[in-house]
Full PDB file with SEQRES, HELIX, SHEET, SSBOND, CRYST1, ORIGX, SCALE, CONECT and MASTER records, all heavy atoms in Angstrom:
SEQRES   1 A   31  GLN ALA PRO GLY LYS GLU ARG ASN LEU VAL ALA GLU ILE          
SEQRES   2 A   31  ARG SER ASN ARG ASP THR PHE TYR ASP ALA SER VAL LYS          
SEQRES   3 A   31  GLY ARG PHE THR ILE                                          
SHEET    1 AA1 2 ALA A  11  ILE A  13  0                                        
SHEET    2 AA1 2 THR A  19  TYR A  21 -1                                        
CRYST1    1.000    1.000    1.000  90.00  90.00  90.00 P 1           1          
ORIGX1      1.000000  0.000000  0.000000        0.00000                         
ORIGX2      0.000000  1.000000  0.000000        0.00000                         
ORIGX3      0.000000  0.000000  1.000000        0.00000                         
SCALE1      1.000000  0.000000  0.000000        0.00000                         
SCALE2      0.000000  1.000000  0.000000        0.00000                         
SCALE3      0.000000  0.000000  1.000000        0.00000                         
ATOM      1  N   GLN A   1      13.076  11.224 -38.206  1.00  0.00           N  
ATOM      2  CA  GLN A   1      12.705  11.950 -39.417  1.00  0.00           C  
ATOM      3  C   GLN A   1      11.201  11.930 -39.551  1.00  0.00           C  
ATOM      4  O   GLN A   1      10.606  10.884 -39.884  1.00  0.00           O  
ATOM      5  CB  GLN A   1      13.361  11.330 -40.651  1.00  0.00           C  
ATOM      6  CG  GLN A   1      13.118  12.138 -41.914  1.00  0.00           C  
ATOM      7  CD  GLN A   1      14.012  11.719 -43.063  1.00  0.00           C  
ATOM      8  OE1 GLN A   1      14.551  10.613 -43.088  1.00  0.00           O  
ATOM      9  NE2 GLN A   1      14.186  12.594 -44.028  1.00  0.00           N  
ATOM     10  N   ALA A   2      10.594  13.076 -39.277  1.00  0.00           N  
ATOM     11  CA  ALA A   2       9.148  13.196 -39.419  1.00  0.00           C  
ATOM     12  C   ALA A   2       8.808  13.296 -40.905  1.00  0.00           C  
ATOM     13  O   ALA A   2       9.651  13.690 -41.720  1.00  0.00           O  
ATOM     14  CB  ALA A   2       8.657  14.422 -38.672  1.00  0.00           C  
ATOM     15  N   PRO A   3       7.574  12.952 -41.289  1.00  0.00           N  
ATOM     16  CA  PRO A   3       7.183  13.012 -42.696  1.00  0.00           C  
ATOM     17  C   PRO A   3       7.449  14.381 -43.305  1.00  0.00           C  
ATOM     18  O   PRO A   3       7.001  15.399 -42.766  1.00  0.00           O  
ATOM     19  CB  PRO A   3       5.686  12.692 -42.655  1.00  0.00           C  
ATOM     20  CG  PRO A   3       5.515  11.882 -41.423  1.00  0.00           C  
ATOM     21  CD  PRO A   3       6.501  12.425 -40.431  1.00  0.00           C  
ATOM     22  N   GLY A   4       8.199  14.411 -44.404  1.00  0.00           N  
ATOM     23  CA  GLY A   4       8.480  15.659 -45.106  1.00  0.00           C  
ATOM     24  C   GLY A   4       9.500  16.563 -44.432  1.00  0.00           C  
ATOM     25  O   GLY A   4       9.668  17.710 -44.856  1.00  0.00           O  
ATOM     26  N   LYS A   5      10.161  16.073 -43.398  1.00  0.00           N  
ATOM     27  CA  LYS A   5      11.111  16.923 -42.664  1.00  0.00           C  
ATOM     28  C   LYS A   5      12.498  16.287 -42.636  1.00  0.00           C  
ATOM     29  O   LYS A   5      12.687  15.128 -43.015  1.00  0.00           O  
ATOM     30  CB  LYS A   5      10.596  17.177 -41.242  1.00  0.00           C  
ATOM     31  CG  LYS A   5       9.288  17.945 -41.215  1.00  0.00           C  
ATOM     32  CD  LYS A   5       8.933  18.394 -39.822  1.00  0.00           C  
ATOM     33  CE  LYS A   5       7.665  19.230 -39.841  1.00  0.00           C  
ATOM     34  NZ  LYS A   5       7.280  19.678 -38.474  1.00  0.00           N  
ATOM     35  N   GLU A   6      13.475  17.053 -42.163  1.00  0.00           N  
ATOM     36  CA  GLU A   6      14.846  16.562 -42.051  1.00  0.00           C  
ATOM     37  C   GLU A   6      14.981  15.650 -40.832  1.00  0.00           C  
ATOM     38  O   GLU A   6      14.166  15.686 -39.922  1.00  0.00           O  
ATOM     39  CB  GLU A   6      15.812  17.734 -41.905  1.00  0.00           C  
ATOM     40  CG  GLU A   6      15.872  18.637 -43.120  1.00  0.00           C  
ATOM     41  CD  GLU A   6      16.858  19.777 -42.927  1.00  0.00           C  
ATOM     42  OE1 GLU A   6      17.314  19.986 -41.798  1.00  0.00           O  
ATOM     43  OE2 GLU A   6      17.161  20.451 -43.930  1.00  0.00           O  
ATOM     44  N   ARG A   7      16.050  14.873 -40.834  1.00  0.00           N  
ATOM     45  CA  ARG A   7      16.372  14.063 -39.661  1.00  0.00           C  
ATOM     46  C   ARG A   7      16.912  14.964 -38.568  1.00  0.00           C  
ATOM     47  O   ARG A   7      17.751  15.827 -38.817  1.00  0.00           O  
ATOM     48  CB  ARG A   7      17.436  13.022 -40.005  1.00  0.00           C  
ATOM     49  CG  ARG A   7      16.966  11.978 -40.966  1.00  0.00           C  
ATOM     50  CD  ARG A   7      18.046  10.954 -41.236  1.00  0.00           C  
ATOM     51  NE  ARG A   7      17.658  10.103 -42.339  1.00  0.00           N  
ATOM     52  CZ  ARG A   7      18.358   9.063 -42.776  1.00  0.00           C  
ATOM     53  NH1 ARG A   7      19.517   8.762 -42.183  1.00  0.00           N  
ATOM     54  NH2 ARG A   7      17.937   8.343 -43.779  1.00  0.00           N  
ATOM     55  N   ASN A   8      16.440  14.731 -37.346  1.00  0.00           N  
ATOM     56  CA  ASN A   8      16.916  15.503 -36.203  1.00  0.00           C  
ATOM     57  C   ASN A   8      17.358  14.560 -35.094  1.00  0.00           C  
ATOM     58  O   ASN A   8      16.714  13.542 -34.849  1.00  0.00           O  
ATOM     59  CB  ASN A   8      15.817  16.423 -35.670  1.00  0.00           C  
ATOM     60  CG  ASN A   8      15.521  17.558 -36.643  1.00  0.00           C  
ATOM     61  OD1 ASN A   8      16.417  18.267 -37.067  1.00  0.00           O  
ATOM     62  ND2 ASN A   8      14.265  17.715 -36.990  1.00  0.00           N  
ATOM     63  N   LEU A   9      18.432  14.931 -34.445  1.00  0.00           N  
ATOM     64  CA  LEU A   9      18.929  14.132 -33.333  1.00  0.00           C  
ATOM     65  C   LEU A   9      17.959  14.221 -32.164  1.00  0.00           C  
ATOM     66  O   LEU A   9      17.570  15.323 -31.753  1.00  0.00           O  
ATOM     67  CB  LEU A   9      20.309  14.647 -32.907  1.00  0.00           C  
ATOM     68  CG  LEU A   9      20.952  13.949 -31.728  1.00  0.00           C  
ATOM     69  CD1 LEU A   9      21.307  12.508 -32.085  1.00  0.00           C  
ATOM     70  CD2 LEU A   9      22.198  14.706 -31.261  1.00  0.00           C  
ATOM     71  N   VAL A  10      17.584  13.074 -31.626  1.00  0.00           N  
ATOM     72  CA  VAL A  10      16.720  13.089 -30.437  1.00  0.00           C  
ATOM     73  C   VAL A  10      17.480  12.655 -29.186  1.00  0.00           C  
ATOM     74  O   VAL A  10      17.169  13.125 -28.091  1.00  0.00           O  
ATOM     75  CB  VAL A  10      15.457  12.217 -30.610  1.00  0.00           C  
ATOM     76  CG1 VAL A  10      14.556  12.778 -31.682  1.00  0.00           C  
ATOM     77  CG2 VAL A  10      15.794  10.785 -30.907  1.00  0.00           C  
ATOM     78  N   ALA A  11      18.465  11.771 -29.331  1.00  0.00           N  
ATOM     79  CA  ALA A  11      19.219  11.325 -28.157  1.00  0.00           C  
ATOM     80  C   ALA A  11      20.519  10.691 -28.609  1.00  0.00           C  
ATOM     81  O   ALA A  11      20.607  10.154 -29.716  1.00  0.00           O  
ATOM     82  CB  ALA A  11      18.417  10.311 -27.341  1.00  0.00           C  
ATOM     83  N   GLU A  12      21.526  10.761 -27.747  1.00  0.00           N  
ATOM     84  CA  GLU A  12      22.763  10.044 -28.016  1.00  0.00           C  
ATOM     85  C   GLU A  12      23.397   9.614 -26.703  1.00  0.00           C  
ATOM     86  O   GLU A  12      23.150  10.216 -25.655  1.00  0.00           O  
ATOM     87  CB  GLU A  12      23.744  10.878 -28.851  1.00  0.00           C  
ATOM     88  CG  GLU A  12      24.299  12.095 -28.178  1.00  0.00           C  
ATOM     89  CD  GLU A  12      25.266  12.867 -29.071  1.00  0.00           C  
ATOM     90  OE1 GLU A  12      25.236  12.717 -30.308  1.00  0.00           O  
ATOM     91  OE2 GLU A  12      26.060  13.650 -28.515  1.00  0.00           O  
ATOM     92  N   ILE A  13      24.194   8.548 -26.799  1.00  0.00           N  
ATOM     93  CA  ILE A  13      24.918   8.051 -25.634  1.00  0.00           C  
ATOM     94  C   ILE A  13      26.383   7.942 -26.015  1.00  0.00           C  
ATOM     95  O   ILE A  13      26.721   7.418 -27.086  1.00  0.00           O  
ATOM     96  CB  ILE A  13      24.336   6.702 -25.144  1.00  0.00           C  
ATOM     97  CG1 ILE A  13      25.038   6.244 -23.868  1.00  0.00           C  
ATOM     98  CG2 ILE A  13      24.367   5.617 -26.220  1.00  0.00           C  
ATOM     99  CD1 ILE A  13      24.292   5.126 -23.133  1.00  0.00           C  
ATOM    100  N   ARG A  14      27.228   8.472 -25.167  1.00  0.00           N  
ATOM    101  CA  ARG A  14      28.656   8.530 -25.455  1.00  0.00           C  
ATOM    102  C   ARG A  14      29.385   7.363 -24.814  1.00  0.00           C  
ATOM    103  O   ARG A  14      28.826   6.623 -24.004  1.00  0.00           O  
ATOM    104  CB  ARG A  14      29.204   9.881 -24.994  1.00  0.00           C  
ATOM    105  CG  ARG A  14      28.495  11.003 -25.740  1.00  0.00           C  
ATOM    106  CD  ARG A  14      28.709  12.370 -25.166  1.00  0.00           C  
ATOM    107  NE  ARG A  14      27.833  13.312 -25.892  1.00  0.00           N  
ATOM    108  CZ  ARG A  14      27.201  14.316 -25.320  1.00  0.00           C  
ATOM    109  NH1 ARG A  14      27.333  14.544 -24.029  1.00  0.00           N  
ATOM    110  NH2 ARG A  14      26.432  15.115 -26.033  1.00  0.00           N  
ATOM    111  N   SER A  15      30.668   7.213 -25.162  1.00  0.00           N  
ATOM    112  CA  SER A  15      31.416   6.061 -24.676  1.00  0.00           C  
ATOM    113  C   SER A  15      31.492   6.037 -23.148  1.00  0.00           C  
ATOM    114  O   SER A  15      31.508   4.963 -22.543  1.00  0.00           O  
ATOM    115  CB  SER A  15      32.825   6.048 -25.272  1.00  0.00           C  
ATOM    116  OG  SER A  15      33.500   7.257 -24.974  1.00  0.00           O  
ATOM    117  N   ASN A  16      31.472   7.211 -22.521  1.00  0.00           N  
ATOM    118  CA  ASN A  16      31.526   7.263 -21.053  1.00  0.00           C  
ATOM    119  C   ASN A  16      30.133   7.212 -20.427  1.00  0.00           C  
ATOM    120  O   ASN A  16      29.975   7.473 -19.238  1.00  0.00           O  
ATOM    121  CB  ASN A  16      32.267   8.521 -20.597  1.00  0.00           C  
ATOM    122  CG  ASN A  16      31.546   9.798 -20.996  1.00  0.00           C  
ATOM    123  OD1 ASN A  16      30.502   9.755 -21.644  1.00  0.00           O  
ATOM    124  ND2 ASN A  16      32.111  10.935 -20.628  1.00  0.00           N  
ATOM    125  N   ARG A  17      29.121   6.896 -21.242  1.00  0.00           N  
ATOM    126  CA  ARG A  17      27.700   6.765 -20.843  1.00  0.00           C  
ATOM    127  C   ARG A  17      27.012   8.109 -20.605  1.00  0.00           C  
ATOM    128  O   ARG A  17      25.858   8.131 -20.197  1.00  0.00           O  
ATOM    129  CB  ARG A  17      27.522   5.873 -19.612  1.00  0.00           C  
ATOM    130  CG  ARG A  17      27.778   4.404 -19.898  1.00  0.00           C  
ATOM    131  CD  ARG A  17      27.335   3.524 -18.741  1.00  0.00           C  
ATOM    132  NE  ARG A  17      27.588   2.122 -18.995  1.00  0.00           N  
ATOM    133  CZ  ARG A  17      26.733   1.301 -19.570  1.00  0.00           C  
ATOM    134  NH1 ARG A  17      25.561   1.743 -19.981  1.00  0.00           N  
ATOM    135  NH2 ARG A  17      27.034   0.019 -19.755  1.00  0.00           N  
ATOM    136  N   ASP A  18      27.713   9.226 -20.838  1.00  0.00           N  
ATOM    137  CA  ASP A  18      27.006  10.503 -20.807  1.00  0.00           C  
ATOM    138  C   ASP A  18      25.939  10.493 -21.896  1.00  0.00           C  
ATOM    139  O   ASP A  18      26.138   9.879 -22.962  1.00  0.00           O  
ATOM    140  CB  ASP A  18      27.972  11.668 -21.072  1.00  0.00           C  
ATOM    141  CG  ASP A  18      28.775  12.031 -19.845  1.00  0.00           C  
ATOM    142  OD1 ASP A  18      28.482  11.499 -18.749  1.00  0.00           O  
ATOM    143  OD2 ASP A  18      29.707  12.855 -19.965  1.00  0.00           O  
ATOM    144  N   THR A  19      24.844  11.186 -21.635  1.00  0.00           N  
ATOM    145  CA  THR A  19      23.742  11.194 -22.592  1.00  0.00           C  
ATOM    146  C   THR A  19      23.330  12.614 -22.936  1.00  0.00           C  
ATOM    147  O   THR A  19      23.564  13.556 -22.181  1.00  0.00           O  
ATOM    148  CB  THR A  19      22.515  10.438 -22.040  1.00  0.00           C  
ATOM    149  OG1 THR A  19      22.131  11.028 -20.787  1.00  0.00           O  
ATOM    150  CG2 THR A  19      22.819   8.968 -21.834  1.00  0.00           C  
ATOM    151  N   PHE A  20      22.707  12.739 -24.098  1.00  0.00           N  
ATOM    152  CA  PHE A  20      22.134  14.006 -24.548  1.00  0.00           C  
ATOM    153  C   PHE A  20      20.728  13.724 -25.029  1.00  0.00           C  
ATOM    154  O   PHE A  20      20.472  12.682 -25.663  1.00  0.00           O  
ATOM    155  CB  PHE A  20      22.957  14.597 -25.691  1.00  0.00           C  
ATOM    156  CG  PHE A  20      22.214  15.660 -26.453  1.00  0.00           C  
ATOM    157  CD1 PHE A  20      22.163  16.965 -25.990  1.00  0.00           C  
ATOM    158  CD2 PHE A  20      21.506  15.339 -27.611  1.00  0.00           C  
ATOM    159  CE1 PHE A  20      21.447  17.932 -26.669  1.00  0.00           C  
ATOM    160  CE2 PHE A  20      20.785  16.298 -28.307  1.00  0.00           C  
ATOM    161  CZ  PHE A  20      20.760  17.601 -27.829  1.00  0.00           C  
ATOM    162  N   TYR A  21      19.809  14.647 -24.744  1.00  0.00           N  
ATOM    163  CA  TYR A  21      18.428  14.546 -25.232  1.00  0.00           C  
ATOM    164  C   TYR A  21      17.997  15.874 -25.833  1.00  0.00           C  
ATOM    165  O   TYR A  21      18.283  16.936 -25.271  1.00  0.00           O  
ATOM    166  CB  TYR A  21      17.470  14.181 -24.096  1.00  0.00           C  
ATOM    167  CG  TYR A  21      17.728  12.834 -23.495  1.00  0.00           C  
ATOM    168  CD1 TYR A  21      18.490  12.693 -22.339  1.00  0.00           C  
ATOM    169  CD2 TYR A  21      17.212  11.682 -24.086  1.00  0.00           C  
ATOM    170  CE1 TYR A  21      18.749  11.447 -21.785  1.00  0.00           C  
ATOM    171  CE2 TYR A  21      17.456  10.438 -23.535  1.00  0.00           C  
ATOM    172  CZ  TYR A  21      18.232  10.334 -22.388  1.00  0.00           C  
ATOM    173  OH  TYR A  21      18.481   9.094 -21.856  1.00  0.00           O  
ATOM    174  N   ASP A  22      17.292  15.786 -26.940  1.00  0.00           N  
ATOM    175  CA  ASP A  22      16.661  16.976 -27.473  1.00  0.00           C  
ATOM    176  C   ASP A  22      15.580  17.421 -26.499  1.00  0.00           C  
ATOM    177  O   ASP A  22      14.965  16.600 -25.816  1.00  0.00           O  
ATOM    178  CB  ASP A  22      16.052  16.670 -28.842  1.00  0.00           C  
ATOM    179  CG  ASP A  22      15.418  17.895 -29.464  1.00  0.00           C  
ATOM    180  OD1 ASP A  22      16.163  18.746 -29.947  1.00  0.00           O  
ATOM    181  OD2 ASP A  22      14.179  17.984 -29.443  1.00  0.00           O  
ATOM    182  N   ALA A  23      15.340  18.726 -26.444  1.00  0.00           N  
ATOM    183  CA  ALA A  23      14.363  19.260 -25.496  1.00  0.00           C  
ATOM    184  C   ALA A  23      12.976  18.657 -25.700  1.00  0.00           C  
ATOM    185  O   ALA A  23      12.202  18.520 -24.751  1.00  0.00           O  
ATOM    186  CB  ALA A  23      14.301  20.778 -25.621  1.00  0.00           C  
ATOM    187  N   SER A  24      12.660  18.285 -26.938  1.00  0.00           N  
ATOM    188  CA  SER A  24      11.320  17.771 -27.234  1.00  0.00           C  
ATOM    189  C   SER A  24      11.051  16.396 -26.619  1.00  0.00           C  
ATOM    190  O   SER A  24       9.901  15.977 -26.510  1.00  0.00           O  
ATOM    191  CB  SER A  24      11.098  17.707 -28.743  1.00  0.00           C  
ATOM    192  OG  SER A  24      11.964  16.758 -29.330  1.00  0.00           O  
ATOM    193  N   VAL A  25      12.119  15.677 -26.240  1.00  0.00           N  
ATOM    194  CA  VAL A  25      11.936  14.317 -25.717  1.00  0.00           C  
ATOM    195  C   VAL A  25      12.449  14.166 -24.288  1.00  0.00           C  
ATOM    196  O   VAL A  25      12.251  13.117 -23.668  1.00  0.00           O  
ATOM    197  CB  VAL A  25      12.620  13.266 -26.614  1.00  0.00           C  
ATOM    198  CG1 VAL A  25      12.162  13.420 -28.064  1.00  0.00           C  
ATOM    199  CG2 VAL A  25      14.129  13.324 -26.518  1.00  0.00           C  
ATOM    200  N   LYS A  26      13.085  15.196 -23.762  1.00  0.00           N  
ATOM    201  CA  LYS A  26      13.664  15.110 -22.425  1.00  0.00           C  
ATOM    202  C   LYS A  26      12.590  14.801 -21.397  1.00  0.00           C  
ATOM    203  O   LYS A  26      11.514  15.406 -21.408  1.00  0.00           O  
ATOM    204  CB  LYS A  26      14.373  16.422 -22.083  1.00  0.00           C  
ATOM    205  CG  LYS A  26      15.521  16.279 -21.130  1.00  0.00           C  
ATOM    206  CD  LYS A  26      16.382  17.529 -21.130  1.00  0.00           C  
ATOM    207  CE  LYS A  26      17.647  17.311 -20.333  1.00  0.00           C  
ATOM    208  NZ  LYS A  26      18.533  18.480 -20.369  1.00  0.00           N  
ATOM    209  N   GLY A  27      12.876  13.816 -20.553  1.00  0.00           N  
ATOM    210  CA  GLY A  27      11.921  13.398 -19.546  1.00  0.00           C  
ATOM    211  C   GLY A  27      10.971  12.312 -20.016  1.00  0.00           C  
ATOM    212  O   GLY A  27      10.274  11.697 -19.204  1.00  0.00           O  
ATOM    213  N   ARG A  28      10.921  12.077 -21.327  1.00  0.00           N  
ATOM    214  CA  ARG A  28      10.042  11.028 -21.864  1.00  0.00           C  
ATOM    215  C   ARG A  28      10.827   9.873 -22.472  1.00  0.00           C  
ATOM    216  O   ARG A  28      10.380   8.731 -22.426  1.00  0.00           O  
ATOM    217  CB  ARG A  28       9.121  11.623 -22.944  1.00  0.00           C  
ATOM    218  CG  ARG A  28       8.236  12.743 -22.462  1.00  0.00           C  
ATOM    219  CD  ARG A  28       7.229  13.159 -23.536  1.00  0.00           C  
ATOM    220  NE  ARG A  28       7.871  13.688 -24.739  1.00  0.00           N  
ATOM    221  CZ  ARG A  28       7.715  13.166 -25.954  1.00  0.00           C  
ATOM    222  NH1 ARG A  28       6.940  12.117 -26.136  1.00  0.00           N  
ATOM    223  NH2 ARG A  28       8.326  13.715 -27.008  1.00  0.00           N  
ATOM    224  N   PHE A  29      11.967  10.161 -23.059  1.00  0.00           N  
ATOM    225  CA  PHE A  29      12.795   9.147 -23.724  1.00  0.00           C  
ATOM    226  C   PHE A  29      14.028   8.871 -22.878  1.00  0.00           C  
ATOM    227  O   PHE A  29      14.579   9.776 -22.239  1.00  0.00           O  
ATOM    228  CB  PHE A  29      13.252   9.616 -25.097  1.00  0.00           C  
ATOM    229  CG  PHE A  29      12.172   9.710 -26.148  1.00  0.00           C  
ATOM    230  CD1 PHE A  29      10.828   9.608 -25.823  1.00  0.00           C  
ATOM    231  CD2 PHE A  29      12.525   9.909 -27.475  1.00  0.00           C  
ATOM    232  CE1 PHE A  29       9.844   9.698 -26.799  1.00  0.00           C  
ATOM    233  CE2 PHE A  29      11.558   9.999 -28.462  1.00  0.00           C  
ATOM    234  CZ  PHE A  29      10.215   9.906 -28.129  1.00  0.00           C  
ATOM    235  N   THR A  30      14.487   7.616 -22.916  1.00  0.00           N  
ATOM    236  CA  THR A  30      15.722   7.234 -22.229  1.00  0.00           C  
ATOM    237  C   THR A  30      16.569   6.396 -23.172  1.00  0.00           C  
ATOM    238  O   THR A  30      16.088   5.379 -23.704  1.00  0.00           O  
ATOM    239  CB  THR A  30      15.432   6.432 -20.951  1.00  0.00           C  
ATOM    240  OG1 THR A  30      14.586   7.199 -20.099  1.00  0.00           O  
ATOM    241  CG2 THR A  30      16.733   6.101 -20.225  1.00  0.00           C  
ATOM    242  N   ILE A  31      17.817   6.800 -23.364  1.00  0.00           N  
ATOM    243  CA  ILE A  31      18.741   6.030 -24.181  1.00  0.00           C  
ATOM    244  C   ILE A  31      19.635   5.224 -23.250  1.00  0.00           C  
ATOM    245  O   ILE A  31      20.049   5.703 -22.191  1.00  0.00           O  
ATOM    246  CB  ILE A  31      19.565   6.948 -25.111  1.00  0.00           C  
ATOM    247  CG1 ILE A  31      20.344   6.133 -26.143  1.00  0.00           C  
ATOM    248  CG2 ILE A  31      20.473   7.878 -24.325  1.00  0.00           C  
ATOM    249  CD1 ILE A  31      20.964   6.991 -27.255  1.00  0.00           C  
TER     250      ILE A  31                                                      
MASTER        0    0    0    0    2    0    0    6  249    1    0    3          
END                                                                             
């Protein structure tokens, strides 16, 4: 949640270890 903005999903990890990344963090963040 950036200042003055809504919360946005940046990454998630599922029970089978599959992952999702928002385009803004892909390649920089690892869950």
